[in-house]
Amino acid sequence: LHVGDITEQGFPFYGGSLTYAVPLPPLAEG
């Protein structure tokens, strides 16, 4: 999924929870 409206990415009617996996920048570790 791209950042932006999910109704235009295949989910116009979806109403449950949606979890995005966001990688941490290497400098943020620790």
PDB file of all heavy atoms in Angstrom:
ATOM      1  N   LEU A   1       0.841  -1.194   0.000  1.00  0.00           N
ATOM      2  CA  LEU A   1       0.000   0.000   0.000  1.00  0.00           C
ATOM      3  C   LEU A   1       0.878   1.246   0.000  1.00  0.00           C
ATOM      4  O   LEU A   1       1.868   1.325   0.733  1.00  0.00           O
ATOM      5  CB  LEU A   1      -0.912   0.023   1.226  1.00  0.00           C
ATOM      6  CG  LEU A   1      -2.128  -0.902   1.198  1.00  0.00           C
ATOM      7  CD1 LEU A   1      -2.912  -0.770   2.486  1.00  0.00           C
ATOM      8  CD2 LEU A   1      -3.020  -0.607  -0.002  1.00  0.00           C
ATOM      9  N   HIS A   2       0.503   2.201  -0.805  1.00  0.00           N
ATOM     10  CA  HIS A   2       1.167   3.494  -0.824  1.00  0.00           C
ATOM     11  C   HIS A   2       0.522   4.409   0.215  1.00  0.00           C
ATOM     12  O   HIS A   2      -0.627   4.198   0.638  1.00  0.00           O
ATOM     13  CB  HIS A   2       1.060   4.127  -2.207  1.00  0.00           C
ATOM     14  CG  HIS A   2       1.788   3.371  -3.275  1.00  0.00           C
ATOM     15  ND1 HIS A   2       3.102   3.622  -3.600  1.00  0.00           N
ATOM     16  CD2 HIS A   2       1.386   2.355  -4.083  1.00  0.00           C
ATOM     17  CE1 HIS A   2       3.486   2.808  -4.560  1.00  0.00           C
ATOM     18  NE2 HIS A   2       2.463   2.029  -4.881  1.00  0.00           N
ATOM     19  N   VAL A   3       1.235   5.437   0.619  1.00  0.00           N
ATOM     20  CA  VAL A   3       0.623   6.480   1.436  1.00  0.00           C
ATOM     21  C   VAL A   3      -0.460   7.144   0.602  1.00  0.00           C
ATOM     22  O   VAL A   3      -0.230   7.527  -0.543  1.00  0.00           O
ATOM     23  CB  VAL A   3       1.675   7.514   1.880  1.00  0.00           C
ATOM     24  CG1 VAL A   3       0.999   8.718   2.527  1.00  0.00           C
ATOM     25  CG2 VAL A   3       2.667   6.873   2.836  1.00  0.00           C
ATOM     26  N   GLY A   4      -1.644   7.239   1.153  1.00  0.00           N
ATOM     27  CA  GLY A   4      -2.757   7.822   0.411  1.00  0.00           C
ATOM     28  C   GLY A   4      -4.028   7.035   0.657  1.00  0.00           C
ATOM     29  O   GLY A   4      -4.057   6.045   1.404  1.00  0.00           O
ATOM     30  N   ASP A   5      -5.069   7.462   0.028  1.00  0.00           N
ATOM     31  CA  ASP A   5      -6.416   6.945   0.225  1.00  0.00           C
ATOM     32  C   ASP A   5      -6.502   5.479  -0.209  1.00  0.00           C
ATOM     33  O   ASP A   5      -6.269   5.153  -1.376  1.00  0.00           O
ATOM     34  CB  ASP A   5      -7.386   7.807  -0.583  1.00  0.00           C
ATOM     35  CG  ASP A   5      -8.835   7.472  -0.328  1.00  0.00           C
ATOM     36  OD1 ASP A   5      -9.122   6.564   0.487  1.00  0.00           O
ATOM     37  OD2 ASP A   5      -9.696   8.124  -0.955  1.00  0.00           O
ATOM     38  N   ILE A   6      -6.870   4.576   0.719  1.00  0.00           N
ATOM     39  CA  ILE A   6      -6.967   3.159   0.361  1.00  0.00           C
ATOM     40  C   ILE A   6      -8.205   2.860  -0.469  1.00  0.00           C
ATOM     41  O   ILE A   6      -8.285   1.800  -1.092  1.00  0.00           O
ATOM     42  CB  ILE A   6      -6.950   2.246   1.603  1.00  0.00           C
ATOM     43  CG1 ILE A   6      -8.207   2.458   2.458  1.00  0.00           C
ATOM     44  CG2 ILE A   6      -5.677   2.435   2.397  1.00  0.00           C
ATOM     45  CD1 ILE A   6      -8.403   1.375   3.501  1.00  0.00           C
ATOM     46  N   THR A   7      -9.179   3.780  -0.503  1.00  0.00           N
ATOM     47  CA  THR A   7     -10.368   3.526  -1.324  1.00  0.00           C
ATOM     48  C   THR A   7     -10.010   3.498  -2.801  1.00  0.00           C
ATOM     49  O   THR A   7     -10.779   2.975  -3.610  1.00  0.00           O
ATOM     50  CB  THR A   7     -11.464   4.579  -1.083  1.00  0.00           C
ATOM     51  OG1 THR A   7     -11.048   5.851  -1.600  1.00  0.00           O
ATOM     52  CG2 THR A   7     -11.798   4.706   0.392  1.00  0.00           C
ATOM     53  N   GLU A   8      -8.836   4.052  -3.151  1.00  0.00           N
ATOM     54  CA  GLU A   8      -8.380   4.037  -4.541  1.00  0.00           C
ATOM     55  C   GLU A   8      -7.298   2.983  -4.775  1.00  0.00           C
ATOM     56  O   GLU A   8      -6.667   2.950  -5.827  1.00  0.00           O
ATOM     57  CB  GLU A   8      -7.846   5.425  -4.913  1.00  0.00           C
ATOM     58  CG  GLU A   8      -8.897   6.524  -4.807  1.00  0.00           C
ATOM     59  CD  GLU A   8      -8.341   7.909  -5.074  1.00  0.00           C
ATOM     60  OE1 GLU A   8      -7.103   8.010  -5.254  1.00  0.00           O
ATOM     61  OE2 GLU A   8      -9.118   8.872  -5.103  1.00  0.00           O
ATOM     62  N   GLN A   9      -7.084   2.117  -3.762  1.00  0.00           N
ATOM     63  CA  GLN A   9      -6.048   1.085  -3.873  1.00  0.00           C
ATOM     64  C   GLN A   9      -6.615  -0.319  -3.683  1.00  0.00           C
ATOM     65  O   GLN A   9      -5.891  -1.240  -3.315  1.00  0.00           O
ATOM     66  CB  GLN A   9      -4.941   1.341  -2.847  1.00  0.00           C
ATOM     67  CG  GLN A   9      -4.237   2.679  -3.008  1.00  0.00           C
ATOM     68  CD  GLN A   9      -3.103   2.841  -2.013  1.00  0.00           C
ATOM     69  OE1 GLN A   9      -2.104   2.121  -2.036  1.00  0.00           O
ATOM     70  NE2 GLN A   9      -3.245   3.815  -1.105  1.00  0.00           N
ATOM     71  N   GLY A  10      -7.899  -0.480  -3.942  1.00  0.00           N
ATOM     72  CA  GLY A  10      -8.505  -1.799  -3.850  1.00  0.00           C
ATOM     73  C   GLY A  10      -9.383  -2.015  -2.648  1.00  0.00           C
ATOM     74  O   GLY A  10      -9.935  -3.109  -2.470  1.00  0.00           O
ATOM     75  N   PHE A  11      -9.559  -0.969  -1.802  1.00  0.00           N
ATOM     76  CA  PHE A  11     -10.330  -1.135  -0.572  1.00  0.00           C
ATOM     77  C   PHE A  11     -11.353  -0.008  -0.390  1.00  0.00           C
ATOM     78  O   PHE A  11     -11.356   0.686   0.627  1.00  0.00           O
ATOM     79  CB  PHE A  11      -9.383  -1.189   0.631  1.00  0.00           C
ATOM     80  CG  PHE A  11      -8.344  -2.267   0.516  1.00  0.00           C
ATOM     81  CD1 PHE A  11      -7.053  -1.963   0.102  1.00  0.00           C
ATOM     82  CD2 PHE A  11      -8.660  -3.582   0.796  1.00  0.00           C
ATOM     83  CE1 PHE A  11      -6.098  -2.957  -0.023  1.00  0.00           C
ATOM     84  CE2 PHE A  11      -7.704  -4.587   0.677  1.00  0.00           C
ATOM     85  CZ  PHE A  11      -6.423  -4.279   0.260  1.00  0.00           C
ATOM     86  N   PRO A  12     -12.253   0.195  -1.355  1.00  0.00           N
ATOM     87  CA  PRO A  12     -13.203   1.304  -1.225  1.00  0.00           C
ATOM     88  C   PRO A  12     -14.201   1.125  -0.089  1.00  0.00           C
ATOM     89  O   PRO A  12     -14.678   2.115   0.473  1.00  0.00           O
ATOM     90  CB  PRO A  12     -13.906   1.319  -2.584  1.00  0.00           C
ATOM     91  CG  PRO A  12     -13.744  -0.067  -3.122  1.00  0.00           C
ATOM     92  CD  PRO A  12     -12.414  -0.522  -2.625  1.00  0.00           C
ATOM     93  N   PHE A  13     -14.513  -0.119   0.268  1.00  0.00           N
ATOM     94  CA  PHE A  13     -15.563  -0.363   1.256  1.00  0.00           C
ATOM     95  C   PHE A  13     -15.045  -0.995   2.545  1.00  0.00           C
ATOM     96  O   PHE A  13     -15.826  -1.277   3.447  1.00  0.00           O
ATOM     97  CB  PHE A  13     -16.638  -1.280   0.662  1.00  0.00           C
ATOM     98  CG  PHE A  13     -17.189  -0.819  -0.662  1.00  0.00           C
ATOM     99  CD1 PHE A  13     -17.000  -1.579  -1.806  1.00  0.00           C
ATOM    100  CD2 PHE A  13     -17.885   0.374  -0.773  1.00  0.00           C
ATOM    101  CE1 PHE A  13     -17.506  -1.162  -3.026  1.00  0.00           C
ATOM    102  CE2 PHE A  13     -18.383   0.809  -1.992  1.00  0.00           C
ATOM    103  CZ  PHE A  13     -18.192   0.036  -3.132  1.00  0.00           C
ATOM    104  N   TYR A  14     -13.751  -1.213   2.639  1.00  0.00           N
ATOM    105  CA  TYR A  14     -13.202  -1.913   3.807  1.00  0.00           C
ATOM    106  C   TYR A  14     -13.332  -1.047   5.051  1.00  0.00           C
ATOM    107  O   TYR A  14     -13.040   0.150   5.026  1.00  0.00           O
ATOM    108  CB  TYR A  14     -11.736  -2.271   3.564  1.00  0.00           C
ATOM    109  CG  TYR A  14     -11.112  -3.056   4.687  1.00  0.00           C
ATOM    110  CD1 TYR A  14     -11.491  -4.370   4.929  1.00  0.00           C
ATOM    111  CD2 TYR A  14     -10.150  -2.485   5.515  1.00  0.00           C
ATOM    112  CE1 TYR A  14     -10.921  -5.100   5.964  1.00  0.00           C
ATOM    113  CE2 TYR A  14      -9.572  -3.206   6.541  1.00  0.00           C
ATOM    114  CZ  TYR A  14      -9.963  -4.508   6.766  1.00  0.00           C
ATOM    115  OH  TYR A  14      -9.401  -5.221   7.806  1.00  0.00           O
ATOM    116  N   GLY A  15     -13.750  -1.670   6.175  1.00  0.00           N
ATOM    117  CA  GLY A  15     -13.958  -0.910   7.402  1.00  0.00           C
ATOM    118  C   GLY A  15     -13.355  -1.536   8.631  1.00  0.00           C
ATOM    119  O   GLY A  15     -13.655  -1.120   9.746  1.00  0.00           O
ATOM    120  N   GLY A  16     -12.503  -2.548   8.471  1.00  0.00           N
ATOM    121  CA  GLY A  16     -11.834  -3.148   9.626  1.00  0.00           C
ATOM    122  C   GLY A  16     -10.519  -2.453   9.921  1.00  0.00           C
ATOM    123  O   GLY A  16     -10.247  -1.352   9.454  1.00  0.00           O
ATOM    124  N   SER A  17      -9.667  -3.112  10.698  1.00  0.00           N
ATOM    125  CA  SER A  17      -8.342  -2.566  10.985  1.00  0.00           C
ATOM    126  C   SER A  17      -7.380  -2.926   9.865  1.00  0.00           C
ATOM    127  O   SER A  17      -7.497  -3.977   9.236  1.00  0.00           O
ATOM    128  CB  SER A  17      -7.809  -3.101  12.312  1.00  0.00           C
ATOM    129  OG  SER A  17      -8.557  -2.597  13.395  1.00  0.00           O
ATOM    130  N   LEU A  18      -6.417  -2.040   9.650  1.00  0.00           N
ATOM    131  CA  LEU A  18      -5.425  -2.198   8.597  1.00  0.00           C
ATOM    132  C   LEU A  18      -4.063  -1.868   9.196  1.00  0.00           C
ATOM    133  O   LEU A  18      -3.876  -0.778   9.740  1.00  0.00           O
ATOM    134  CB  LEU A  18      -5.752  -1.245   7.445  1.00  0.00           C
ATOM    135  CG  LEU A  18      -4.707  -0.991   6.381  1.00  0.00           C
ATOM    136  CD1 LEU A  18      -4.444  -2.253   5.582  1.00  0.00           C
ATOM    137  CD2 LEU A  18      -5.160   0.137   5.459  1.00  0.00           C
ATOM    138  N   THR A  19      -3.115  -2.814   9.137  1.00  0.00           N
ATOM    139  CA  THR A  19      -1.814  -2.617   9.771  1.00  0.00           C
ATOM    140  C   THR A  19      -0.727  -2.435   8.723  1.00  0.00           C
ATOM    141  O   THR A  19      -0.507  -3.313   7.887  1.00  0.00           O
ATOM    142  CB  THR A  19      -1.458  -3.812  10.673  1.00  0.00           C
ATOM    143  OG1 THR A  19      -2.466  -3.942  11.689  1.00  0.00           O
ATOM    144  CG2 THR A  19      -0.106  -3.598  11.340  1.00  0.00           C
ATOM    145  N   TYR A  20      -0.055  -1.289   8.774  1.00  0.00           N
ATOM    146  CA  TYR A  20       1.075  -0.992   7.903  1.00  0.00           C
ATOM    147  C   TYR A  20       2.362  -1.420   8.612  1.00  0.00           C
ATOM    148  O   TYR A  20       2.555  -1.118   9.802  1.00  0.00           O
ATOM    149  CB  TYR A  20       1.178   0.503   7.603  1.00  0.00           C
ATOM    150  CG  TYR A  20       0.022   1.114   6.852  1.00  0.00           C
ATOM    151  CD1 TYR A  20      -1.171   1.437   7.498  1.00  0.00           C
ATOM    152  CD2 TYR A  20       0.134   1.414   5.494  1.00  0.00           C
ATOM    153  CE1 TYR A  20      -2.223   2.032   6.811  1.00  0.00           C
ATOM    154  CE2 TYR A  20      -0.907   2.016   4.803  1.00  0.00           C
ATOM    155  CZ  TYR A  20      -2.090   2.318   5.469  1.00  0.00           C
ATOM    156  OH  TYR A  20      -3.123   2.914   4.789  1.00  0.00           O
ATOM    157  N   ALA A  21       3.268  -2.092   7.893  1.00  0.00           N
ATOM    158  CA  ALA A  21       4.585  -2.455   8.435  1.00  0.00           C
ATOM    159  C   ALA A  21       5.589  -1.397   7.993  1.00  0.00           C
ATOM    160  O   ALA A  21       5.882  -1.259   6.804  1.00  0.00           O
ATOM    161  CB  ALA A  21       5.001  -3.827   7.936  1.00  0.00           C
ATOM    162  N   VAL A  22       6.103  -0.636   8.958  1.00  0.00           N
ATOM    163  CA  VAL A  22       6.992   0.496   8.659  1.00  0.00           C
ATOM    164  C   VAL A  22       8.397   0.162   9.156  1.00  0.00           C
ATOM    165  O   VAL A  22       8.623   0.078  10.368  1.00  0.00           O
ATOM    166  CB  VAL A  22       6.486   1.786   9.332  1.00  0.00           C
ATOM    167  CG1 VAL A  22       7.389   2.959   8.983  1.00  0.00           C
ATOM    168  CG2 VAL A  22       5.041   2.076   8.915  1.00  0.00           C
ATOM    169  N   PRO A  23       9.362  -0.029   8.254  1.00  0.00           N
ATOM    170  CA  PRO A  23      10.733  -0.340   8.692  1.00  0.00           C
ATOM    171  C   PRO A  23      11.335   0.830   9.469  1.00  0.00           C
ATOM    172  O   PRO A  23      11.140   1.993   9.120  1.00  0.00           O
ATOM    173  CB  PRO A  23      11.487  -0.581   7.379  1.00  0.00           C
ATOM    174  CG  PRO A  23      10.432  -0.802   6.342  1.00  0.00           C
ATOM    175  CD  PRO A  23       9.242  -0.012   6.787  1.00  0.00           C
ATOM    176  N   LEU A  24      12.094   0.501  10.514  1.00  0.00           N
ATOM    177  CA  LEU A  24      12.779   1.542  11.275  1.00  0.00           C
ATOM    178  C   LEU A  24      14.035   1.986  10.545  1.00  0.00           C
ATOM    179  O   LEU A  24      14.778   1.155  10.008  1.00  0.00           O
ATOM    180  CB  LEU A  24      13.184   1.016  12.650  1.00  0.00           C
ATOM    181  CG  LEU A  24      12.199   1.123  13.796  1.00  0.00           C
ATOM    182  CD1 LEU A  24      12.849   0.623  15.069  1.00  0.00           C
ATOM    183  CD2 LEU A  24      11.721   2.546  13.984  1.00  0.00           C
ATOM    184  N   PRO A  25      14.318   3.277  10.513  1.00  0.00           N
ATOM    185  CA  PRO A  25      15.609   3.729   9.978  1.00  0.00           C
ATOM    186  C   PRO A  25      16.740   3.122  10.797  1.00  0.00           C
ATOM    187  O   PRO A  25      16.639   3.023  12.028  1.00  0.00           O
ATOM    188  CB  PRO A  25      15.547   5.251  10.134  1.00  0.00           C
ATOM    189  CG  PRO A  25      14.083   5.568  10.236  1.00  0.00           C
ATOM    190  CD  PRO A  25      13.459   4.403  10.917  1.00  0.00           C
ATOM    191  N   PRO A  26      17.839   2.720  10.171  1.00  0.00           N
ATOM    192  CA  PRO A  26      18.946   2.093  10.919  1.00  0.00           C
ATOM    193  C   PRO A  26      19.435   2.944  12.086  1.00  0.00           C
ATOM    194  O   PRO A  26      19.799   2.406  13.139  1.00  0.00           O
ATOM    195  CB  PRO A  26      20.028   1.918   9.848  1.00  0.00           C
ATOM    196  CG  PRO A  26      19.265   1.822   8.559  1.00  0.00           C
ATOM    197  CD  PRO A  26      18.091   2.739   8.717  1.00  0.00           C
ATOM    198  N   LEU A  27      19.447   4.254  11.924  1.00  0.00           N
ATOM    199  CA  LEU A  27      19.950   5.115  12.996  1.00  0.00           C
ATOM    200  C   LEU A  27      19.038   5.121  14.222  1.00  0.00           C
ATOM    201  O   LEU A  27      19.444   5.556  15.304  1.00  0.00           O
ATOM    202  CB  LEU A  27      20.119   6.550  12.476  1.00  0.00           C
ATOM    203  CG  LEU A  27      21.247   6.775  11.470  1.00  0.00           C
ATOM    204  CD1 LEU A  27      21.222   8.213  10.951  1.00  0.00           C
ATOM    205  CD2 LEU A  27      22.607   6.479  12.115  1.00  0.00           C
ATOM    206  N   ALA A  28      17.809   4.653  14.062  1.00  0.00           N
ATOM    207  CA  ALA A  28      16.867   4.664  15.184  1.00  0.00           C
ATOM    208  C   ALA A  28      17.023   3.449  16.087  1.00  0.00           C
ATOM    209  O   ALA A  28      16.533   3.452  17.218  1.00  0.00           O
ATOM    210  CB  ALA A  28      15.435   4.727  14.653  1.00  0.00           C
ATOM    211  N   GLU A  29      17.687   2.413  15.626  1.00  0.00           N
ATOM    212  CA  GLU A  29      17.819   1.184  16.412  1.00  0.00           C
ATOM    213  C   GLU A  29      18.611   1.445  17.686  1.00  0.00           C
ATOM    214  O   GLU A  29      19.631   2.136  17.676  1.00  0.00           O
ATOM    215  CB  GLU A  29      18.469   0.101  15.564  1.00  0.00           C
ATOM    216  CG  GLU A  29      17.609  -0.335  14.379  1.00  0.00           C
ATOM    217  CD  GLU A  29      18.235  -1.467  13.594  1.00  0.00           C
ATOM    218  OE1 GLU A  29      19.163  -2.094  14.121  1.00  0.00           O
ATOM    219  OE2 GLU A  29      17.791  -1.704  12.454  1.00  0.00           O
ATOM    220  N   GLY A  30      18.106   0.905  18.796  1.00  0.00           N
ATOM    221  CA  GLY A  30      18.766   1.079  20.088  1.00  0.00           C
ATOM    222  C   GLY A  30      18.458   2.384  20.766  1.00  0.00           C
ATOM    223  O   GLY A  30      19.023   2.676  21.824  1.00  0.00           O
TER     224      GLY A  30
END
